[in-house]
Amino acid sequence: MGYYLAGFDVVGVDIEPRPRYPFRFIEGDALDAMREMCQDFHLVHASPPCQPGCTLTKGTNRGRTYADFIPQMRELCLWYGVPWVMENVTGADIRKDLTLCGEMFGLGVIRHRHFEIGCVGGWPIEQPQHLKHRGPVRGWRHGVYRDGPYIAAYGKGGGKGSVAEMQAAMGITWTDVHEELTEAIPPAYTEYIGRQFITTGEWGAYKEPDPDRRAELLRRAWKAVA
């Protein structure tokens, strides 16, 4: 939704059916879709599963293994030379080119997310100031209940946000599915990124380099992420 609000035509891909998704939707493997289609887009936004790097996996789910699709997604974007945004949690193995927090947008969630911003020709993006949080996230943690201005938009019970609270806190109205809300990021994040891209990326400062220059930049990019 955020990219749509910034002025993009949006196509979504997920291996699971998402009937509430408000734009064109392709049900299938994201990597397969990227191999077939990503070169046709001005910008690719990838949100690989966060389980390999999230705190819950390293704590409650310790011992379980999860597939890490980040290297493959980066490789495909580099191969096709398409600008990309890769979003994930703090523990994920991505570059932290941009960090966004709900407080930056006056939202009712903190929901820190990191974004790797990449393209062969370079794409500058402005990092907003990380504002001081106004208090704790509401709910029970380690046997202590804390009341605060932010909703816990993950899991169930323990004082975490209800579906209606999560919708209001993140600015999401098109789904009331709990699992989809807990996996989502606020559309304000991608609207910000989309507007930055329009200003400084593909339609702004970004210029397609000549073939020789592009090959050199591609070699440098491969080296940087190796």
Protein backbone atom coordinates (compact mmCIF):
# COMPACT_ATOMS: atom_id res chain seq x y z
CA MET A 1 0.00 0.00 0.00
CA GLY A 2 2.81 2.42 0.82
CA TYR A 3 4.33 2.22 -2.67
CA TYR A 4 0.87 2.76 -4.17
CA LEU A 5 0.45 5.88 -2.05
CA ALA A 6 3.83 7.07 -3.33
CA GLY A 7 2.64 6.72 -6.93
CA PHE A 8 3.62 3.18 -8.00
CA ASP A 9 1.63 0.45 -9.71
CA VAL A 10 2.09 -2.48 -7.34
CA VAL A 11 2.31 -6.24 -7.95
CA GLY A 12 2.54 -8.56 -4.93
CA VAL A 13 3.91 -12.10 -4.73
CA ASP A 14 3.44 -14.65 -1.95
CA ILE A 15 3.52 -18.43 -1.83
CA GLU A 16 0.30 -18.34 0.21
CA PRO A 17 -3.03 -17.03 -1.13
CA ARG A 18 -3.78 -13.49 0.04
CA PRO A 19 -7.36 -12.74 -1.02
CA ARG A 20 -7.41 -9.45 0.88
CA TYR A 21 -4.37 -8.08 -0.95
CA PRO A 22 -5.64 -4.90 -2.65
CA PHE A 23 -3.47 -4.97 -5.80
CA ARG A 24 -2.49 -7.39 -8.54
CA PHE A 25 -1.34 -10.57 -6.83
CA ILE A 26 0.69 -13.57 -7.98
CA GLU A 27 0.51 -16.71 -5.86
CA GLY A 28 3.81 -18.53 -6.16
CA ASP A 29 7.42 -18.75 -5.12
CA ALA A 30 8.94 -15.27 -4.86
CA LEU A 31 12.32 -16.39 -6.21
CA ASP A 32 10.70 -17.94 -9.28
CA ALA A 33 8.68 -14.78 -9.84
CA MET A 34 11.81 -12.65 -9.54
CA ARG A 35 13.65 -14.79 -12.10
CA GLU A 36 10.79 -14.37 -14.55
CA MET A 37 9.68 -10.80 -13.90
CA CYS A 38 11.95 -8.56 -11.84
CA GLN A 39 13.70 -7.04 -14.86
CA ASP A 40 10.33 -5.66 -15.95
CA PHE A 41 9.96 -3.46 -12.85
CA HIS A 42 11.47 -0.13 -11.84
CA LEU A 43 11.90 -1.32 -8.25
CA VAL A 44 11.79 -4.65 -6.43
CA HIS A 45 10.89 -4.83 -2.73
CA ALA A 46 11.76 -8.13 -1.06
CA SER A 47 10.72 -9.17 2.44
CA PRO A 48 12.32 -12.59 2.99
CA PRO A 49 11.06 -14.63 5.96
CA CYS A 50 12.51 -13.12 9.14
CA GLN A 51 12.78 -16.33 11.17
CA PRO A 52 16.51 -16.93 10.48
CA GLY A 53 17.44 -13.66 12.22
CA CYS A 54 14.63 -12.81 14.62
CA THR A 55 14.93 -12.74 18.39
CA LEU A 56 12.14 -15.30 18.85
CA THR A 57 14.05 -17.86 16.78
CA LYS A 58 17.17 -17.38 18.86
CA GLY A 59 15.19 -17.66 22.10
CA THR A 60 11.86 -19.47 22.22
CA ASN A 61 12.46 -21.34 18.96
CA ARG A 62 16.11 -22.13 19.64
CA GLY A 63 17.27 -25.25 17.81
CA ARG A 64 14.94 -24.91 14.86
CA THR A 65 16.39 -24.17 11.44
CA TYR A 66 14.91 -21.87 8.81
CA ALA A 67 15.82 -21.27 5.19
CA ASP A 68 17.58 -17.96 4.49
CA PHE A 69 16.55 -16.51 1.12
CA ILE A 70 18.34 -13.18 1.47
CA PRO A 71 21.48 -14.10 -0.54
CA GLN A 72 19.42 -15.51 -3.41
CA MET A 73 17.16 -12.46 -3.60
CA ARG A 74 20.14 -10.11 -3.60
CA GLU A 75 21.85 -12.20 -6.27
CA LEU A 76 18.84 -12.02 -8.57
CA CYS A 77 18.52 -8.26 -8.23
CA LEU A 78 22.21 -7.83 -8.95
CA TRP A 79 22.03 -10.17 -11.93
CA TYR A 80 19.15 -8.32 -13.55
CA GLY A 81 20.41 -4.89 -12.52
CA VAL A 82 17.11 -3.83 -10.97
CA PRO A 83 17.07 -1.42 -7.99
CA TRP A 84 15.92 -3.20 -4.86
CA VAL A 85 14.80 -2.76 -1.28
CA MET A 86 15.29 -5.70 1.09
CA GLU A 87 13.48 -5.46 4.44
CA ASN A 88 14.06 -7.52 7.55
CA VAL A 89 14.56 -7.58 11.31
CA THR A 90 17.56 -6.49 13.35
CA GLY A 91 19.32 -9.87 13.35
CA ALA A 92 19.05 -10.45 9.59
CA ASP A 93 22.15 -10.53 7.39
CA ILE A 94 21.35 -7.44 5.34
CA ARG A 95 23.02 -4.06 5.10
CA LYS A 96 21.33 -1.55 7.38
CA ASP A 97 21.20 1.27 4.83
CA LEU A 98 17.96 2.57 6.35
CA THR A 99 16.25 1.99 9.69
CA LEU A 100 12.64 2.96 10.23
CA CYS A 101 10.57 3.10 13.42
CA GLY A 102 6.88 3.78 13.92
CA GLU A 103 7.64 6.79 16.08
CA MET A 104 9.15 8.51 13.02
CA PHE A 105 5.66 8.51 11.51
CA GLY A 106 3.55 9.04 14.64
CA LEU A 107 2.31 5.44 14.67
CA GLY A 108 1.14 3.28 17.55
CA VAL A 109 3.85 0.68 17.01
CA ILE A 110 7.64 0.82 17.25
CA ARG A 111 8.30 -2.02 14.80
CA HIS A 112 11.94 -1.36 13.98
CA ARG A 113 12.85 -2.60 10.52
CA HIS A 114 16.07 -2.40 8.55
CA PHE A 115 16.29 -1.94 4.80
CA GLU A 116 19.07 -2.76 2.38
CA ILE A 117 18.86 -0.25 -0.47
CA GLY A 118 20.62 -1.30 -3.63
CA CYS A 119 21.04 -0.80 -7.35
CA VAL A 120 23.92 -1.01 -9.78
CA GLY A 121 24.10 2.75 -10.35
CA GLY A 122 23.71 3.87 -6.75
CA TRP A 123 20.69 5.25 -4.95
CA PRO A 124 21.01 7.70 -2.06
CA ILE A 125 18.30 7.71 0.59
CA GLU A 126 17.86 9.97 3.60
CA GLN A 127 17.82 8.40 7.06
CA PRO A 128 15.13 10.07 9.23
CA GLN A 129 16.08 10.98 12.78
CA HIS A 130 15.37 8.10 15.15
CA LEU A 131 13.12 9.82 17.66
CA LYS A 132 13.11 8.91 21.34
CA HIS A 133 10.34 6.46 22.17
CA ARG A 134 7.53 7.90 24.28
CA GLY A 135 7.38 4.87 26.57
CA PRO A 136 7.31 1.06 26.56
CA VAL A 137 5.34 -1.35 24.43
CA ARG A 138 2.20 -2.39 26.27
CA GLY A 139 2.04 -5.95 27.61
CA TRP A 140 3.55 -8.64 29.81
CA ARG A 141 7.24 -9.44 29.48
CA HIS A 142 9.28 -11.54 31.91
CA GLY A 143 6.44 -11.51 34.44
CA VAL A 144 6.10 -7.72 34.47
CA TYR A 145 3.21 -5.80 32.93
CA ARG A 146 4.08 -2.46 31.36
CA ASP A 147 1.56 0.03 30.09
CA GLY A 148 2.65 2.26 27.27
CA PRO A 149 1.65 4.08 24.09
CA TYR A 150 2.69 1.31 21.67
CA ILE A 151 0.90 -1.89 20.65
CA ALA A 152 2.73 -5.22 20.48
CA ALA A 153 1.82 -6.26 16.92
CA TYR A 154 3.01 -9.86 17.22
CA GLY A 155 1.80 -13.05 18.84
CA LYS A 156 -1.30 -13.33 21.00
CA GLY A 157 -2.14 -12.84 24.66
CA GLY A 158 -0.05 -11.18 27.32
CA GLY A 159 -1.56 -7.77 26.71
CA LYS A 160 -0.58 -7.73 23.02
CA GLY A 161 -2.66 -5.74 20.60
CA SER A 162 -6.01 -6.96 19.30
CA VAL A 163 -6.63 -7.11 15.57
CA ALA A 164 -8.45 -3.76 15.65
CA GLU A 165 -5.65 -2.17 17.68
CA MET A 166 -2.98 -3.47 15.30
CA GLN A 167 -4.91 -2.16 12.30
CA ALA A 168 -5.20 1.30 13.85
CA ALA A 169 -1.61 1.36 15.14
CA MET A 170 -0.06 0.45 11.78
CA GLY A 171 -2.50 2.18 9.46
CA ILE A 172 -3.68 -1.04 7.79
CA THR A 173 -7.35 -1.38 6.86
CA TRP A 174 -7.45 -3.93 4.03
CA THR A 175 -6.91 -7.05 6.14
CA ASP A 176 -8.21 -8.24 9.49
CA VAL A 177 -6.20 -11.49 9.43
CA HIS A 178 -4.07 -11.66 12.57
CA GLU A 179 -1.16 -13.49 10.90
CA GLU A 180 -1.01 -10.99 8.05
CA LEU A 181 -0.96 -8.07 10.47
CA THR A 182 1.82 -9.57 12.58
CA GLU A 183 3.94 -10.09 9.44
CA ALA A 184 3.24 -6.67 7.92
CA ILE A 185 5.18 -3.44 8.13
CA PRO A 186 3.34 -0.11 8.28
CA PRO A 187 2.62 1.30 4.82
CA ALA A 188 4.11 4.60 6.00
CA TYR A 189 7.52 2.91 5.75
CA THR A 190 7.22 1.94 2.10
CA GLU A 191 5.52 5.20 1.18
CA TYR A 192 8.57 6.99 2.55
CA ILE A 193 10.93 4.72 0.60
CA GLY A 194 8.88 5.04 -2.56
CA ARG A 195 8.88 8.83 -2.42
CA GLN A 196 12.63 8.82 -1.78
CA PHE A 197 13.13 6.58 -4.81
CA ILE A 198 11.07 8.84 -7.04
CA THR A 199 13.10 11.84 -5.84
CA THR A 200 16.63 10.38 -5.88
CA GLY A 201 16.37 6.99 -7.55
CA GLU A 202 15.18 5.73 -10.93
CA TRP A 203 13.38 8.96 -11.85
CA GLY A 204 15.74 11.28 -10.02
CA ALA A 205 19.48 11.05 -9.49
CA TYR A 206 19.73 7.46 -10.73
CA LYS A 207 20.95 7.20 -14.33
CA GLU A 208 21.37 3.95 -16.24
CA PRO A 209 25.13 3.66 -16.87
CA ASP A 210 26.56 2.68 -20.23
CA PRO A 211 27.18 -1.09 -20.66
CA ASP A 212 30.88 -1.00 -19.77
CA ARG A 213 30.29 1.19 -16.74
CA ARG A 214 27.35 -0.99 -15.70
CA ALA A 215 29.55 -4.11 -15.88
CA GLU A 216 32.16 -2.44 -13.66
CA LEU A 217 29.56 -1.33 -11.13
CA LEU A 218 28.10 -4.83 -11.13
CA ARG A 219 31.51 -6.34 -10.37
CA ARG A 220 31.94 -3.88 -7.50
CA ALA A 221 28.50 -4.69 -6.15
CA TRP A 222 29.24 -8.43 -6.25
CA LYS A 223 32.46 -7.82 -4.36
CA ALA A 224 30.68 -5.65 -1.77
CA VAL A 225 28.17 -8.34 -0.87
CA ALA A 226 30.45 -11.38 -1.23
